[in-house]
């Protein structure tokens, strides 16, 4: 009598604590790795964006060349 094993009150709290720690670790790891993911096709470098804007006619020749030279510094 009085021996609850792993599923007693103390054991239940231990499993809950362990679950919280695992969830926190998974969240921390995915957050850190999320910042180092490879670029998706929708991400553009500044030069790619400049080329896209030039091709779309949003900027003229002079503006394109001026900004391209600035980006290559």
PDB file of N, CA and C in Angstrom:
ATOM      1  N   UNK A   1       0.827  -1.186   0.000  1.00  0.00           N
ATOM      2  CA  UNK A   1       0.000   0.000   0.000  1.00  0.00           C
ATOM      3  C   UNK A   1       0.870   1.247   0.000  1.00  0.00           C
ATOM      4  N   UNK A   2       0.363   2.254  -0.644  1.00  0.00           N
ATOM      5  CA  UNK A   2       1.074   3.516  -0.675  1.00  0.00           C
ATOM      6  C   UNK A   2       2.183   3.568  -1.718  1.00  0.00           C
ATOM      7  N   UNK A   3       2.331   2.568  -2.554  1.00  0.00           N
ATOM      8  CA  UNK A   3       3.366   2.569  -3.572  1.00  0.00           C
ATOM      9  C   UNK A   3       2.703   2.757  -4.940  1.00  0.00           C
ATOM     10  N   UNK A   4       2.830   3.979  -5.496  1.00  0.00           N
ATOM     11  CA  UNK A   4       2.125   4.321  -6.730  1.00  0.00           C
ATOM     12  C   UNK A   4       2.942   4.045  -7.993  1.00  0.00           C
ATOM     13  N   UNK A   5       4.230   3.842  -7.883  1.00  0.00           N
ATOM     14  CA  UNK A   5       5.054   3.600  -9.059  1.00  0.00           C
ATOM     15  C   UNK A   5       5.201   4.854  -9.913  1.00  0.00           C
ATOM     16  N   UNK A   6       5.395   4.684 -11.229  1.00  0.00           N
ATOM     17  CA  UNK A   6       5.630   5.804 -12.143  1.00  0.00           C
ATOM     18  C   UNK A   6       4.398   6.668 -12.383  1.00  0.00           C
ATOM     19  N   UNK A   7       3.238   6.153 -12.182  1.00  0.00           N
ATOM     20  CA  UNK A   7       2.035   6.911 -12.513  1.00  0.00           C
ATOM     21  C   UNK A   7       1.420   7.619 -11.309  1.00  0.00           C
ATOM     22  N   UNK A   8       2.112   7.637 -10.189  1.00  0.00           N
ATOM     23  CA  UNK A   8       1.617   8.362  -9.027  1.00  0.00           C
ATOM     24  C   UNK A   8       1.700   9.860  -9.257  1.00  0.00           C
ATOM     25  N   UNK A   9       1.377  10.628  -8.273  1.00  0.00           N
ATOM     26  CA  UNK A   9       1.352  12.086  -8.389  1.00  0.00           C
ATOM     27  C   UNK A   9       2.731  12.636  -8.772  1.00  0.00           C
ATOM     28  N   UNK A  10       3.766  12.182  -8.094  1.00  0.00           N
ATOM     29  CA  UNK A  10       5.123  12.645  -8.400  1.00  0.00           C
ATOM     30  C   UNK A  10       5.578  12.229  -9.787  1.00  0.00           C
ATOM     31  N   UNK A  11       5.254  11.024 -10.189  1.00  0.00           N
ATOM     32  CA  UNK A  11       5.622  10.544 -11.517  1.00  0.00           C
ATOM     33  C   UNK A  11       4.902  11.293 -12.617  1.00  0.00           C
ATOM     34  N   UNK A  12       3.644  11.626 -12.381  1.00  0.00           N
ATOM     35  CA  UNK A  12       2.873  12.393 -13.365  1.00  0.00           C
ATOM     36  C   UNK A  12       3.457  13.780 -13.568  1.00  0.00           C
ATOM     37  N   UNK A  13       3.881  14.402 -12.483  1.00  0.00           N
ATOM     38  CA  UNK A  13       4.496  15.726 -12.583  1.00  0.00           C
ATOM     39  C   UNK A  13       5.830  15.616 -13.317  1.00  0.00           C
ATOM     40  N   UNK A  14       6.577  14.541 -13.044  1.00  0.00           N
ATOM     41  CA  UNK A  14       7.846  14.337 -13.731  1.00  0.00           C
ATOM     42  C   UNK A  14       7.633  14.221 -15.236  1.00  0.00           C
ATOM     43  N   UNK A  15       6.641  13.455 -15.678  1.00  0.00           N
ATOM     44  CA  UNK A  15       6.359  13.314 -17.106  1.00  0.00           C
ATOM     45  C   UNK A  15       5.892  14.624 -17.729  1.00  0.00           C
ATOM     46  N   UNK A  16       5.099  15.391 -16.988  1.00  0.00           N
ATOM     47  CA  UNK A  16       4.647  16.695 -17.472  1.00  0.00           C
ATOM     48  C   UNK A  16       5.836  17.638 -17.632  1.00  0.00           C
ATOM     49  N   UNK A  17       6.720  17.665 -16.656  1.00  0.00           N
ATOM     50  CA  UNK A  17       7.914  18.501 -16.724  1.00  0.00           C
ATOM     51  C   UNK A  17       8.784  18.086 -17.910  1.00  0.00           C
ATOM     52  N   UNK A  18       8.970  16.782 -18.092  1.00  0.00           N
ATOM     53  CA  UNK A  18       9.766  16.276 -19.202  1.00  0.00           C
ATOM     54  C   UNK A  18       9.151  16.673 -20.546  1.00  0.00           C
ATOM     55  N   UNK A  19       7.847  16.598 -20.649  1.00  0.00           N
ATOM     56  CA  UNK A  19       7.157  16.997 -21.875  1.00  0.00           C
ATOM     57  C   UNK A  19       7.356  18.485 -22.154  1.00  0.00           C
ATOM     58  N   UNK A  20       7.259  19.315 -21.127  1.00  0.00           N
ATOM     59  CA  UNK A  20       7.464  20.759 -21.291  1.00  0.00           C
ATOM     60  C   UNK A  20       8.887  21.046 -21.750  1.00  0.00           C
ATOM     61  N   UNK A  21       9.867  20.353 -21.171  1.00  0.00           N
ATOM     62  CA  UNK A  21      11.264  20.554 -21.565  1.00  0.00           C
ATOM     63  C   UNK A  21      11.460  20.157 -23.028  1.00  0.00           C
ATOM     64  N   UNK A  22      10.882  19.047 -23.448  1.00  0.00           N
ATOM     65  CA  UNK A  22      11.027  18.595 -24.835  1.00  0.00           C
ATOM     66  C   UNK A  22      10.383  19.593 -25.801  1.00  0.00           C
ATOM     67  N   UNK A  23       9.205  20.075 -25.471  1.00  0.00           N
ATOM     68  CA  UNK A  23       8.531  21.054 -26.328  1.00  0.00           C
ATOM     69  C   UNK A  23       9.361  22.334 -26.419  1.00  0.00           C
ATOM     70  N   UNK A  24       9.911  22.772 -25.296  1.00  0.00           N
ATOM     71  CA  UNK A  24      10.741  23.983 -25.297  1.00  0.00           C
ATOM     72  C   UNK A  24      11.995  23.796 -26.150  1.00  0.00           C
ATOM     73  N   UNK A  25      12.616  22.632 -26.056  1.00  0.00           N
ATOM     74  CA  UNK A  25      13.805  22.354 -26.868  1.00  0.00           C
ATOM     75  C   UNK A  25      13.477  22.326 -28.360  1.00  0.00           C
ATOM     76  N   UNK A  26      12.393  21.677 -28.707  1.00  0.00           N
ATOM     77  CA  UNK A  26      11.988  21.626 -30.117  1.00  0.00           C
ATOM     78  C   UNK A  26      11.702  23.034 -30.632  1.00  0.00           C
ATOM     79  N   UNK A  27      11.021  23.847 -29.843  1.00  0.00           N
ATOM     80  CA  UNK A  27      10.726  25.227 -30.238  1.00  0.00           C
ATOM     81  C   UNK A  27      12.016  26.023 -30.418  1.00  0.00           C
ATOM     82  N   UNK A  28      12.943  25.892 -29.474  1.00  0.00           N
ATOM     83  CA  UNK A  28      14.209  26.621 -29.553  1.00  0.00           C
ATOM     84  C   UNK A  28      15.010  26.199 -30.773  1.00  0.00           C
ATOM     85  N   UNK A  29      15.079  24.911 -31.038  1.00  0.00           N
ATOM     86  CA  UNK A  29      15.853  24.421 -32.177  1.00  0.00           C
ATOM     87  C   UNK A  29      15.231  24.871 -33.497  1.00  0.00           C
ATOM     88  N   UNK A  30      13.923  24.780 -33.620  1.00  0.00           N
ATOM     89  CA  UNK A  30      13.285  25.203 -34.876  1.00  0.00           C
ATOM     90  C   UNK A  30      13.400  26.710 -35.075  1.00  0.00           C
ATOM     91  N   UNK A  31      13.404  27.469 -33.999  1.00  0.00           N
ATOM     92  CA  UNK A  31      13.570  28.916 -34.108  1.00  0.00           C
ATOM     93  C   UNK A  31      14.964  29.252 -34.604  1.00  0.00           C
ATOM     94  N   UNK A  32      15.970  28.614 -34.019  1.00  0.00           N
ATOM     95  CA  UNK A  32      17.347  28.874 -34.429  1.00  0.00           C
ATOM     96  C   UNK A  32      17.581  28.411 -35.865  1.00  0.00           C
ATOM     97  N   UNK A  33      17.140  27.232 -36.201  1.00  0.00           N
ATOM     98  CA  UNK A  33      17.343  26.723 -37.545  1.00  0.00           C
ATOM     99  C   UNK A  33      16.502  27.460 -38.576  1.00  0.00           C
ATOM    100  N   UNK A  34      15.403  28.016 -38.153  1.00  0.00           N
ATOM    101  CA  UNK A  34      14.548  28.765 -39.071  1.00  0.00           C
ATOM    102  C   UNK A  34      15.235  29.992 -39.624  1.00  0.00           C
ATOM    103  N   UNK A  35      16.193  30.556 -38.895  1.00  0.00           N
ATOM    104  CA  UNK A  35      16.907  31.736 -39.349  1.00  0.00           C
ATOM    105  C   UNK A  35      18.035  31.399 -40.308  1.00  0.00           C
ATOM    106  N   UNK A  36      18.410  30.142 -40.388  1.00  0.00           N
ATOM    107  CA  UNK A  36      19.503  29.773 -41.270  1.00  0.00           C
ATOM    108  C   UNK A  36      19.021  28.933 -42.448  1.00  0.00           C
ATOM    109  N   UNK A  37      17.738  28.992 -42.742  1.00  0.00           N
ATOM    110  CA  UNK A  37      17.213  28.197 -43.855  1.00  0.00           C
ATOM    111  C   UNK A  37      17.671  28.796 -45.182  1.00  0.00           C
ATOM    112  N   UNK A  38      17.783  27.971 -46.195  1.00  0.00           N
ATOM    113  CA  UNK A  38      18.171  28.490 -47.512  1.00  0.00           C
ATOM    114  C   UNK A  38      17.112  29.438 -48.050  1.00  0.00           C
ATOM    115  N   UNK A  39      17.542  30.298 -48.939  1.00  0.00           N
ATOM    116  CA  UNK A  39      16.599  31.263 -49.514  1.00  0.00           C
ATOM    117  C   UNK A  39      15.501  30.550 -50.281  1.00  0.00           C
ATOM    118  N   UNK A  40      14.312  31.047 -50.145  1.00  0.00           N
ATOM    119  CA  UNK A  40      13.218  30.521 -50.947  1.00  0.00           C
ATOM    120  C   UNK A  40      13.224  31.259 -52.283  1.00  0.00           C
ATOM    121  N   UNK A  41      12.572  30.723 -53.284  1.00  0.00           N
ATOM    122  CA  UNK A  41      12.584  31.372 -54.602  1.00  0.00           C
ATOM    123  C   UNK A  41      11.992  32.782 -54.589  1.00  0.00           C
ATOM    124  N   UNK A  42      11.179  33.111 -53.590  1.00  0.00           N
ATOM    125  CA  UNK A  42      10.576  34.442 -53.558  1.00  0.00           C
ATOM    126  C   UNK A  42      11.493  35.477 -52.936  1.00  0.00           C
ATOM    127  N   UNK A  43      12.540  35.040 -52.215  1.00  0.00           N
ATOM    128  CA  UNK A  43      13.505  35.987 -51.670  1.00  0.00           C
ATOM    129  C   UNK A  43      14.405  36.469 -52.793  1.00  0.00           C
ATOM    130  N   UNK A  44      14.658  37.768 -52.808  1.00  0.00           N
ATOM    131  CA  UNK A  44      15.504  38.332 -53.847  1.00  0.00           C
ATOM    132  C   UNK A  44      16.691  39.035 -53.210  1.00  0.00           C
ATOM    133  N   UNK A  45      17.820  38.933 -53.854  1.00  0.00           N
ATOM    134  CA  UNK A  45      18.943  39.757 -53.447  1.00  0.00           C
ATOM    135  C   UNK A  45      18.636  41.178 -53.936  1.00  0.00           C
ATOM    136  N   UNK A  46      19.326  42.180 -53.409  1.00  0.00           N
ATOM    137  CA  UNK A  46      19.076  43.544 -53.895  1.00  0.00           C
ATOM    138  C   UNK A  46      19.297  43.695 -55.395  1.00  0.00           C
ATOM    139  N   UNK A  47      20.322  43.014 -55.927  1.00  0.00           N
ATOM    140  CA  UNK A  47      20.576  43.111 -57.363  1.00  0.00           C
ATOM    141  C   UNK A  47      19.458  42.450 -58.171  1.00  0.00           C
ATOM    142  N   UNK A  48      18.965  41.306 -57.692  1.00  0.00           N
ATOM    143  CA  UNK A  48      17.845  40.645 -58.383  1.00  0.00           C
ATOM    144  C   UNK A  48      16.599  41.527 -58.375  1.00  0.00           C
ATOM    145  N   UNK A  49      16.353  42.167 -57.245  1.00  0.00           N
ATOM    146  CA  UNK A  49      15.202  43.067 -57.162  1.00  0.00           C
ATOM    147  C   UNK A  49      15.362  44.242 -58.111  1.00  0.00           C
ATOM    148  N   UNK A  50      16.585  44.782 -58.170  1.00  0.00           N
ATOM    149  CA  UNK A  50      16.858  45.897 -59.081  1.00  0.00           C
ATOM    150  C   UNK A  50      16.619  45.481 -60.533  1.00  0.00           C
ATOM    151  N   UNK A  51      17.102  44.302 -60.911  1.00  0.00           N
ATOM    152  CA  UNK A  51      16.892  43.805 -62.276  1.00  0.00           C
ATOM    153  C   UNK A  51      15.411  43.608 -62.574  1.00  0.00           C
ATOM    154  N   UNK A  52      14.682  43.094 -61.593  1.00  0.00           N
ATOM    155  CA  UNK A  52      13.244  42.878 -61.778  1.00  0.00           C
ATOM    156  C   UNK A  52      12.521  44.199 -61.972  1.00  0.00           C
ATOM    157  N   UNK A  53      12.874  45.195 -61.160  1.00  0.00           N
ATOM    158  CA  UNK A  53      12.221  46.505 -61.271  1.00  0.00           C
ATOM    159  C   UNK A  53      12.555  47.169 -62.601  1.00  0.00           C
ATOM    160  N   UNK A  54      13.786  46.995 -63.065  1.00  0.00           N
ATOM    161  CA  UNK A  54      14.186  47.547 -64.361  1.00  0.00           C
ATOM    162  C   UNK A  54      13.411  46.869 -65.486  1.00  0.00           C
ATOM    163  N   UNK A  55      13.322  45.541 -65.418  1.00  0.00           N
ATOM    164  CA  UNK A  55      12.597  44.795 -66.451  1.00  0.00           C
ATOM    165  C   UNK A  55      11.111  45.153 -66.466  1.00  0.00           C
ATOM    166  N   UNK A  56      10.572  45.465 -65.300  1.00  0.00           N
ATOM    167  CA  UNK A  56       9.152  45.815 -65.221  1.00  0.00           C
ATOM    168  C   UNK A  56       8.891  47.269 -65.624  1.00  0.00           C
ATOM    169  N   UNK A  57       9.966  48.030 -65.872  1.00  0.00           N
ATOM    170  CA  UNK A  57       9.806  49.431 -66.276  1.00  0.00           C
ATOM    171  C   UNK A  57       9.571  50.374 -65.123  1.00  0.00           C
ATOM    172  N   UNK A  58       9.834  49.930 -63.899  1.00  0.00           N
ATOM    173  CA  UNK A  58       9.628  50.789 -62.729  1.00  0.00           C
ATOM    174  C   UNK A  58      10.733  51.839 -62.592  1.00  0.00           C
ATOM    175  N   UNK A  59      11.913  51.534 -63.133  1.00  0.00           N
ATOM    176  CA  UNK A  59      13.022  52.499 -63.105  1.00  0.00           C
ATOM    177  C   UNK A  59      13.617  52.595 -64.503  1.00  0.00           C
ATOM    178  N   UNK A  60      14.241  53.747 -64.811  1.00  0.00           N
ATOM    179  CA  UNK A  60      14.813  53.940 -66.143  1.00  0.00           C
ATOM    180  C   UNK A  60      16.279  53.490 -66.176  1.00  0.00           C
ATOM    181  N   UNK A  61      16.896  53.647 -67.366  1.00  0.00           N
ATOM    182  CA  UNK A  61      18.275  53.186 -67.564  1.00  0.00           C
ATOM    183  C   UNK A  61      19.248  53.848 -66.599  1.00  0.00           C
ATOM    184  N   UNK A  62      19.147  55.165 -66.475  1.00  0.00           N
ATOM    185  CA  UNK A  62      20.083  55.891 -65.616  1.00  0.00           C
ATOM    186  C   UNK A  62      19.960  55.459 -64.154  1.00  0.00           C
ATOM    187  N   UNK A  63      18.731  55.317 -63.681  1.00  0.00           N
ATOM    188  CA  UNK A  63      18.492  54.892 -62.294  1.00  0.00           C
ATOM    189  C   UNK A  63      19.017  53.473 -62.068  1.00  0.00           C
ATOM    190  N   UNK A  64      18.808  52.604 -63.044  1.00  0.00           N
ATOM    191  CA  UNK A  64      19.291  51.225 -62.936  1.00  0.00           C
ATOM    192  C   UNK A  64      20.811  51.203 -62.816  1.00  0.00           C
ATOM    193  N   UNK A  65      21.490  51.911 -63.700  1.00  0.00           N
ATOM    194  CA  UNK A  65      22.956  51.916 -63.684  1.00  0.00           C
ATOM    195  C   UNK A  65      23.499  52.544 -62.400  1.00  0.00           C
ATOM    196  N   UNK A  66      22.883  53.615 -61.940  1.00  0.00           N
ATOM    197  CA  UNK A  66      23.340  54.268 -60.711  1.00  0.00           C
ATOM    198  C   UNK A  66      23.214  53.321 -59.518  1.00  0.00           C
ATOM    199  N   UNK A  67      22.078  52.675 -59.386  1.00  0.00           N
ATOM    200  CA  UNK A  67      21.854  51.765 -58.265  1.00  0.00           C
ATOM    201  C   UNK A  67      22.706  50.499 -58.375  1.00  0.00           C
ATOM    202  N   UNK A  68      22.916  50.001 -59.599  1.00  0.00           N
ATOM    203  CA  UNK A  68      23.741  48.805 -59.790  1.00  0.00           C
ATOM    204  C   UNK A  68      25.171  49.088 -59.341  1.00  0.00           C
ATOM    205  N   UNK A  69      25.696  50.268 -59.694  1.00  0.00           N
ATOM    206  CA  UNK A  69      27.047  50.644 -59.282  1.00  0.00           C
ATOM    207  C   UNK A  69      27.139  50.765 -57.763  1.00  0.00           C
ATOM    208  N   UNK A  70      26.103  51.291 -57.149  1.00  0.00           N
ATOM    209  CA  UNK A  70      26.080  51.406 -55.673  1.00  0.00           C
ATOM    210  C   UNK A  70      26.101  50.034 -55.021  1.00  0.00           C
ATOM    211  N   UNK A  71      25.382  49.093 -55.586  1.00  0.00           N
ATOM    212  CA  UNK A  71      25.317  47.751 -55.014  1.00  0.00           C
ATOM    213  C   UNK A  71      26.633  46.988 -55.180  1.00  0.00           C
ATOM    214  N   UNK A  72      27.419  47.325 -56.187  1.00  0.00           N
ATOM    215  CA  UNK A  72      28.657  46.597 -56.446  1.00  0.00           C
ATOM    216  C   UNK A  72      29.826  47.131 -55.639  1.00  0.00           C
ATOM    217  N   UNK A  73      29.632  48.155 -54.848  1.00  0.00           N
ATOM    218  CA  UNK A  73      30.726  48.694 -54.008  1.00  0.00           C
ATOM    219  C   UNK A  73      31.085  47.739 -52.927  1.00  0.00           C
TER     220      UNK A  73
END
